[in-house]
Amino acid sequence: MTPTERRSLDPVGFWLMLGLAMLFGANNLMIKLGNEGLQPAFFAGLRSIVAIPVLGAWMLWRGFSFRWDLWREGILAALLFSAEFLLLFIALDNTSVVRASSLFYAMPIWLALAAHFLFPGERLTPLRLLGFALGFGGVVLSIAGRGAGSGVPGNLWGDLAAVVAGMSWAAIVVVSRRTRFGTASAEAQIFWQVIGSALLLTATAPLFGGPLVRDFTTLHGVMLVVQSVGVVTAGFVTWFWLIGRYKASTVASFSFLTPLLSALLGWLVLGETVGPVTPIALALLIAGLFLINRR
């Protein structure tokens, strides 16, 4: 396999993506719970701060380069990473886990659209175009289903924040694939993003209003540690390793499970209301993701 060639899915990739689907499926729930103890922007920045020494120690132990020569690409990726999680944390402060799941994890449909124009060999065939249309329809239906009398908590700004957060996530993949940033190790790529988001989000957190610490308890401390070590360090490093090894749209295919798992956790753990259109929107999104990634 050449440095720019991406392979098709194999058993190693399948099991790693399945594990990430479960981890990322629980991610929105953990953010929702953590927001009860910390202001969203501050929580997102503090998460990156805690992750820095963990990830840095891992890189030093394994002998990975920090690739300071990629500072231009690193700053761009850090800005997108900061936007992604600032918007996601704010979204989950204003809408339910169930709703955010069908909006944020629509990321692969935006990535598939970008891949059509930017990545050789990953064009939208008629079948994949149908999948894009179904997934996009699921996003539109999910937003439209947030209305008076629907019984679904959340507001329009929270929904839109989740959508744009997913677009920012897709844009990070494009940066990784289309610039020298993708030549760095997965650890170096996420380290740049963690460093940048730690500085940017903690510095700007006071601008978003409200106390930085809300009602912090041991549970919120646990959420912070799990987010920093499990999601940011282990989860995101694995994600970027997969991006460097497999086709972008194939790696993104794990997301067809993630919104379902995330919505299920929101309903089971938090007792969130599931409106009549939510199952339909999720079904459209999952069907779209399946068609986009069907071989």
Protein backbone atom coordinates (compact mmCIF):
# COMPACT_ATOMS: atom_id res chain seq x y z
CA MET A 1 0.00 0.00 0.00
CA THR A 2 1.47 3.37 -1.04
CA PRO A 3 1.50 6.32 1.42
CA THR A 4 -1.56 7.89 -0.26
CA GLU A 5 -3.50 4.67 -0.90
CA ARG A 6 -6.24 3.72 1.55
CA ARG A 7 -7.26 0.11 1.95
CA SER A 8 -10.72 -1.42 2.15
CA LEU A 9 -12.19 -2.56 5.44
CA ASP A 10 -10.54 -5.57 7.10
CA PRO A 11 -11.28 -7.37 10.43
CA VAL A 12 -8.90 -5.13 12.41
CA GLY A 13 -10.58 -2.01 11.10
CA PHE A 14 -14.04 -3.46 11.67
CA TRP A 15 -13.50 -4.23 15.36
CA LEU A 16 -11.77 -0.92 16.01
CA MET A 17 -14.60 0.98 14.37
CA LEU A 18 -17.18 -1.01 16.31
CA GLY A 19 -15.40 -0.14 19.56
CA LEU A 20 -15.27 3.53 18.57
CA ALA A 21 -18.98 3.45 17.73
CA MET A 22 -19.75 2.35 21.29
CA LEU A 23 -17.33 4.88 22.82
CA PHE A 24 -18.58 7.77 20.71
CA GLY A 25 -22.16 6.64 21.26
CA ALA A 26 -21.66 7.28 24.98
CA ASN A 27 -19.80 10.54 24.31
CA ASN A 28 -22.87 12.78 23.99
CA LEU A 29 -24.32 11.35 27.19
CA MET A 30 -21.09 12.08 29.08
CA ILE A 31 -21.00 15.64 27.72
CA LYS A 32 -24.63 16.19 28.70
CA LEU A 33 -23.93 15.00 32.24
CA GLY A 34 -20.67 16.97 32.47
CA ASN A 35 -22.40 20.18 31.41
CA GLU A 36 -24.40 20.04 34.63
CA GLY A 37 -21.19 20.65 36.59
CA LEU A 38 -19.20 22.86 34.21
CA GLN A 39 -20.00 25.56 31.69
CA PRO A 40 -19.86 23.93 28.20
CA ALA A 41 -17.00 25.99 26.71
CA PHE A 42 -14.96 25.66 29.92
CA PHE A 43 -15.68 21.92 30.09
CA ALA A 44 -14.46 21.44 26.51
CA GLY A 45 -11.29 23.43 27.16
CA LEU A 46 -10.58 21.76 30.51
CA ARG A 47 -11.00 18.37 28.86
CA SER A 48 -8.20 19.25 26.43
CA ILE A 49 -5.99 20.56 29.25
CA VAL A 50 -6.27 17.27 31.15
CA ALA A 51 -5.57 15.31 27.96
CA ILE A 52 -2.33 17.18 27.13
CA PRO A 53 0.01 15.50 29.69
CA VAL A 54 -1.55 12.07 29.09
CA LEU A 55 -1.14 12.26 25.33
CA GLY A 56 2.26 13.95 25.59
CA ALA A 57 3.59 11.24 27.92
CA TRP A 58 2.32 8.54 25.56
CA MET A 59 4.06 10.18 22.60
CA LEU A 60 7.36 10.54 24.46
CA TRP A 61 7.22 6.93 25.63
CA ARG A 62 6.51 5.66 22.11
CA GLY A 63 8.98 8.04 20.49
CA PHE A 64 6.45 9.87 18.29
CA SER A 65 7.47 13.24 16.86
CA PHE A 66 5.36 16.27 17.75
CA ARG A 67 5.90 17.57 14.18
CA TRP A 68 6.37 21.23 15.02
CA ASP A 69 7.05 21.81 11.31
CA LEU A 70 3.32 21.37 10.64
CA TRP A 71 2.33 24.44 12.62
CA ARG A 72 0.25 25.96 9.81
CA GLU A 73 -1.81 22.83 9.25
CA GLY A 74 -1.86 22.20 13.00
CA ILE A 75 -3.36 25.62 13.75
CA LEU A 76 -6.03 25.12 11.08
CA ALA A 77 -6.94 21.70 12.47
CA ALA A 78 -6.96 23.11 16.02
CA LEU A 79 -9.38 25.87 15.01
CA LEU A 80 -11.74 23.34 13.44
CA PHE A 81 -11.41 21.02 16.44
CA SER A 82 -12.20 23.90 18.79
CA ALA A 83 -15.24 24.88 16.73
CA GLU A 84 -16.44 21.28 16.59
CA PHE A 85 -16.45 20.71 20.31
CA LEU A 86 -17.44 24.19 21.37
CA LEU A 87 -20.55 23.80 19.21
CA LEU A 88 -21.21 20.22 20.31
CA PHE A 89 -20.93 21.06 24.03
CA ILE A 90 -23.18 24.10 23.56
CA ALA A 91 -25.63 22.01 21.51
CA LEU A 92 -25.93 19.44 24.29
CA ASP A 93 -26.58 22.26 26.73
CA ASN A 94 -29.55 23.34 24.61
CA THR A 95 -30.95 20.16 23.13
CA SER A 96 -31.35 16.52 24.07
CA VAL A 97 -28.87 13.69 23.54
CA VAL A 98 -31.49 11.98 21.36
CA ARG A 99 -31.75 14.98 19.02
CA ALA A 100 -28.04 15.80 18.96
CA SER A 101 -27.31 12.19 18.00
CA SER A 102 -29.17 12.41 14.70
CA LEU A 103 -27.60 15.79 13.88
CA PHE A 104 -23.95 15.65 14.97
CA TYR A 105 -23.37 12.08 13.78
CA ALA A 106 -24.61 12.98 10.33
CA MET A 107 -20.96 13.92 9.76
CA PRO A 108 -20.35 11.13 7.20
CA ILE A 109 -22.86 12.62 4.77
CA TRP A 110 -20.91 15.91 4.74
CA LEU A 111 -17.66 13.96 4.44
CA ALA A 112 -19.05 11.92 1.55
CA LEU A 113 -20.00 15.12 -0.25
CA ALA A 114 -16.51 16.57 0.27
CA ALA A 115 -14.89 13.28 -0.76
CA HIS A 116 -16.82 13.36 -4.05
CA PHE A 117 -14.93 16.51 -5.07
CA LEU A 118 -11.64 16.14 -3.21
CA PHE A 119 -10.70 12.45 -2.83
CA PRO A 120 -9.89 10.36 -5.92
CA GLY A 121 -11.83 7.10 -6.09
CA GLU A 122 -14.49 8.20 -3.58
CA ARG A 123 -17.04 9.82 -5.88
CA LEU A 124 -20.76 9.71 -5.21
CA THR A 125 -22.20 6.94 -7.36
CA PRO A 126 -25.99 6.97 -7.97
CA LEU A 127 -26.44 4.62 -4.99
CA ARG A 128 -24.25 6.71 -2.72
CA LEU A 129 -26.00 9.86 -3.93
CA LEU A 130 -29.29 8.29 -2.84
CA GLY A 131 -27.69 7.60 0.54
CA PHE A 132 -26.63 11.23 0.80
CA ALA A 133 -30.19 12.35 0.00
CA LEU A 134 -31.64 10.03 2.65
CA GLY A 135 -29.15 11.16 5.29
CA PHE A 136 -29.73 14.81 4.48
CA GLY A 137 -33.48 14.20 4.67
CA GLY A 138 -33.00 12.71 8.13
CA VAL A 139 -31.18 15.86 9.30
CA VAL A 140 -33.89 18.14 7.88
CA LEU A 141 -36.66 16.03 9.39
CA SER A 142 -34.96 15.99 12.78
CA ILE A 143 -34.74 19.79 12.84
CA ALA A 144 -38.29 20.18 11.53
CA GLY A 145 -39.54 17.83 14.25
CA ARG A 146 -38.50 20.30 16.91
CA GLY A 147 -41.75 22.16 17.23
CA ALA A 148 -44.29 23.26 19.76
CA GLY A 149 -46.29 20.35 21.04
CA SER A 150 -43.75 17.79 19.86
CA GLY A 151 -42.76 16.99 23.43
CA VAL A 152 -39.09 17.05 22.40
CA PRO A 153 -36.75 19.25 24.48
CA GLY A 154 -34.33 21.56 22.76
CA ASN A 155 -34.19 24.70 20.64
CA LEU A 156 -33.25 25.58 17.08
CA TRP A 157 -29.88 27.05 18.02
CA GLY A 158 -28.90 23.86 19.80
CA ASP A 159 -29.89 21.80 16.76
CA LEU A 160 -27.98 24.01 14.33
CA ALA A 161 -24.92 23.96 16.60
CA ALA A 162 -24.92 20.15 16.45
CA VAL A 163 -25.14 20.21 12.64
CA VAL A 164 -22.26 22.66 12.22
CA ALA A 165 -20.21 20.70 14.77
CA GLY A 166 -20.56 17.65 12.54
CA MET A 167 -19.48 19.69 9.50
CA SER A 168 -16.41 20.89 11.42
CA TRP A 169 -15.55 17.26 12.19
CA ALA A 170 -15.74 16.41 8.47
CA ALA A 171 -13.55 19.43 7.67
CA ILE A 172 -10.83 18.12 10.00
CA VAL A 173 -10.75 14.89 8.01
CA VAL A 174 -10.39 16.90 4.79
CA VAL A 175 -7.44 18.82 6.27
CA SER A 176 -5.81 15.56 7.33
CA ARG A 177 -6.27 14.01 3.91
CA ARG A 178 -5.49 17.01 1.70
CA THR A 179 -2.47 18.54 3.46
CA ARG A 180 0.84 17.46 4.95
CA PHE A 181 -0.95 17.15 8.26
CA GLY A 182 -1.96 13.63 7.25
CA THR A 183 1.70 12.57 7.07
CA ALA A 184 2.03 13.01 10.83
CA SER A 185 1.22 10.24 13.27
CA ALA A 186 -2.30 10.04 14.67
CA GLU A 187 -0.89 11.12 18.02
CA ALA A 188 0.76 14.23 16.56
CA GLN A 189 -2.40 15.23 14.71
CA ILE A 190 -4.62 15.04 17.78
CA PHE A 191 -1.91 16.68 19.97
CA TRP A 192 -1.98 19.79 17.79
CA GLN A 193 -5.76 19.93 18.08
CA VAL A 194 -5.75 19.36 21.84
CA ILE A 195 -3.12 22.06 22.45
CA GLY A 196 -4.97 24.58 20.32
CA SER A 197 -8.39 23.87 21.80
CA ALA A 198 -7.04 23.98 25.36
CA LEU A 199 -5.74 27.51 24.80
CA LEU A 200 -8.61 28.81 22.71
CA LEU A 201 -11.58 27.37 24.60
CA THR A 202 -10.39 28.13 28.12
CA ALA A 203 -9.41 31.68 27.13
CA THR A 204 -12.79 32.41 25.51
CA ALA A 205 -15.01 30.48 27.95
CA PRO A 206 -15.87 33.61 30.03
CA LEU A 207 -17.29 35.22 26.88
CA PHE A 208 -20.10 32.66 26.75
CA GLY A 209 -21.61 33.80 30.04
CA GLY A 210 -22.56 32.08 33.26
CA PRO A 211 -20.31 30.67 35.97
CA LEU A 212 -17.49 28.43 34.75
CA VAL A 213 -18.24 25.95 37.54
CA ARG A 214 -21.92 25.13 37.98
CA ASP A 215 -22.57 22.27 40.43
CA PHE A 216 -19.40 20.20 40.20
CA THR A 217 -19.50 16.79 41.89
CA THR A 218 -17.48 13.57 41.84
CA LEU A 219 -19.60 12.33 38.93
CA HIS A 220 -18.62 15.35 36.85
CA GLY A 221 -14.97 14.76 37.75
CA VAL A 222 -15.29 11.19 36.48
CA MET A 223 -16.90 12.45 33.25
CA LEU A 224 -13.99 14.87 32.78
CA VAL A 225 -11.34 12.15 33.23
CA VAL A 226 -13.12 9.64 31.00
CA GLN A 227 -13.58 12.31 28.33
CA SER A 228 -9.92 13.38 28.50
CA VAL A 229 -8.28 9.95 28.64
CA GLY A 230 -10.84 7.69 26.98
CA VAL A 231 -12.42 9.86 24.29
CA VAL A 232 -9.75 12.46 23.45
CA THR A 233 -6.58 10.43 23.96
CA ALA A 234 -7.55 6.85 23.11
CA GLY A 235 -10.62 7.45 20.94
CA PHE A 236 -9.40 10.30 18.76
CA VAL A 237 -5.91 8.85 18.30
CA THR A 238 -7.49 5.62 17.08
CA TRP A 239 -9.80 7.62 14.80
CA PHE A 240 -6.91 9.42 13.09
CA TRP A 241 -4.96 6.18 12.79
CA LEU A 242 -7.93 4.68 10.98
CA ILE A 243 -8.22 7.76 8.73
CA GLY A 244 -4.60 7.25 7.67
CA ARG A 245 -5.12 3.55 6.96
CA TYR A 246 -8.58 3.20 5.39
CA LYS A 247 -10.78 5.16 2.99
CA ALA A 248 -12.31 8.23 4.63
CA SER A 249 -15.91 7.28 3.86
CA THR A 250 -15.27 3.72 5.08
CA VAL A 251 -13.89 4.94 8.41
CA ALA A 252 -16.89 7.23 8.76
CA SER A 253 -19.25 4.29 8.25
CA PHE A 254 -19.05 3.33 11.93
CA SER A 255 -21.30 6.32 12.54
CA PHE A 256 -24.35 4.43 11.34
CA LEU A 257 -24.32 2.71 14.74
CA THR A 258 -23.24 5.72 16.80
CA PRO A 259 -26.38 7.88 16.57
CA LEU A 260 -28.57 4.89 17.39
CA LEU A 261 -26.49 3.95 20.44
CA SER A 262 -26.29 7.57 21.57
CA ALA A 263 -30.04 8.14 21.23
CA LEU A 264 -30.73 4.89 23.05
CA LEU A 265 -28.53 5.96 25.97
CA GLY A 266 -30.25 9.35 26.14
CA TRP A 267 -33.60 7.64 26.35
CA LEU A 268 -32.55 4.90 28.81
CA VAL A 269 -30.27 6.86 31.16
CA LEU A 270 -31.78 10.35 31.06
CA GLY A 271 -35.36 9.41 30.24
CA GLU A 272 -35.43 11.84 27.32
CA THR A 273 -38.57 12.15 25.24
CA VAL A 274 -38.50 10.60 21.80
CA GLY A 275 -40.81 12.51 19.46
CA PRO A 276 -42.76 10.80 16.68
CA VAL A 277 -40.38 11.98 13.94
CA THR A 278 -37.13 11.07 15.74
CA PRO A 279 -37.19 7.33 14.88
CA ILE A 280 -37.97 8.20 11.26
CA ALA A 281 -35.12 10.74 11.11
CA LEU A 282 -32.70 8.22 12.63
CA ALA A 283 -33.86 5.53 10.21
CA LEU A 284 -33.28 7.86 7.24
CA LEU A 285 -29.83 8.80 8.54
CA ILE A 286 -28.77 5.20 9.15
CA ALA A 287 -30.12 4.08 5.76
CA GLY A 288 -28.23 6.93 4.12
CA LEU A 289 -24.98 6.04 5.89
CA PHE A 290 -25.41 2.40 4.89
CA LEU A 291 -25.84 3.28 1.21
CA ILE A 292 -22.96 5.75 1.26
CA ASN A 293 -20.62 3.05 2.55
CA ARG A 294 -22.09 0.02 0.83
CA ARG A 295 -19.55 -1.73 -1.39
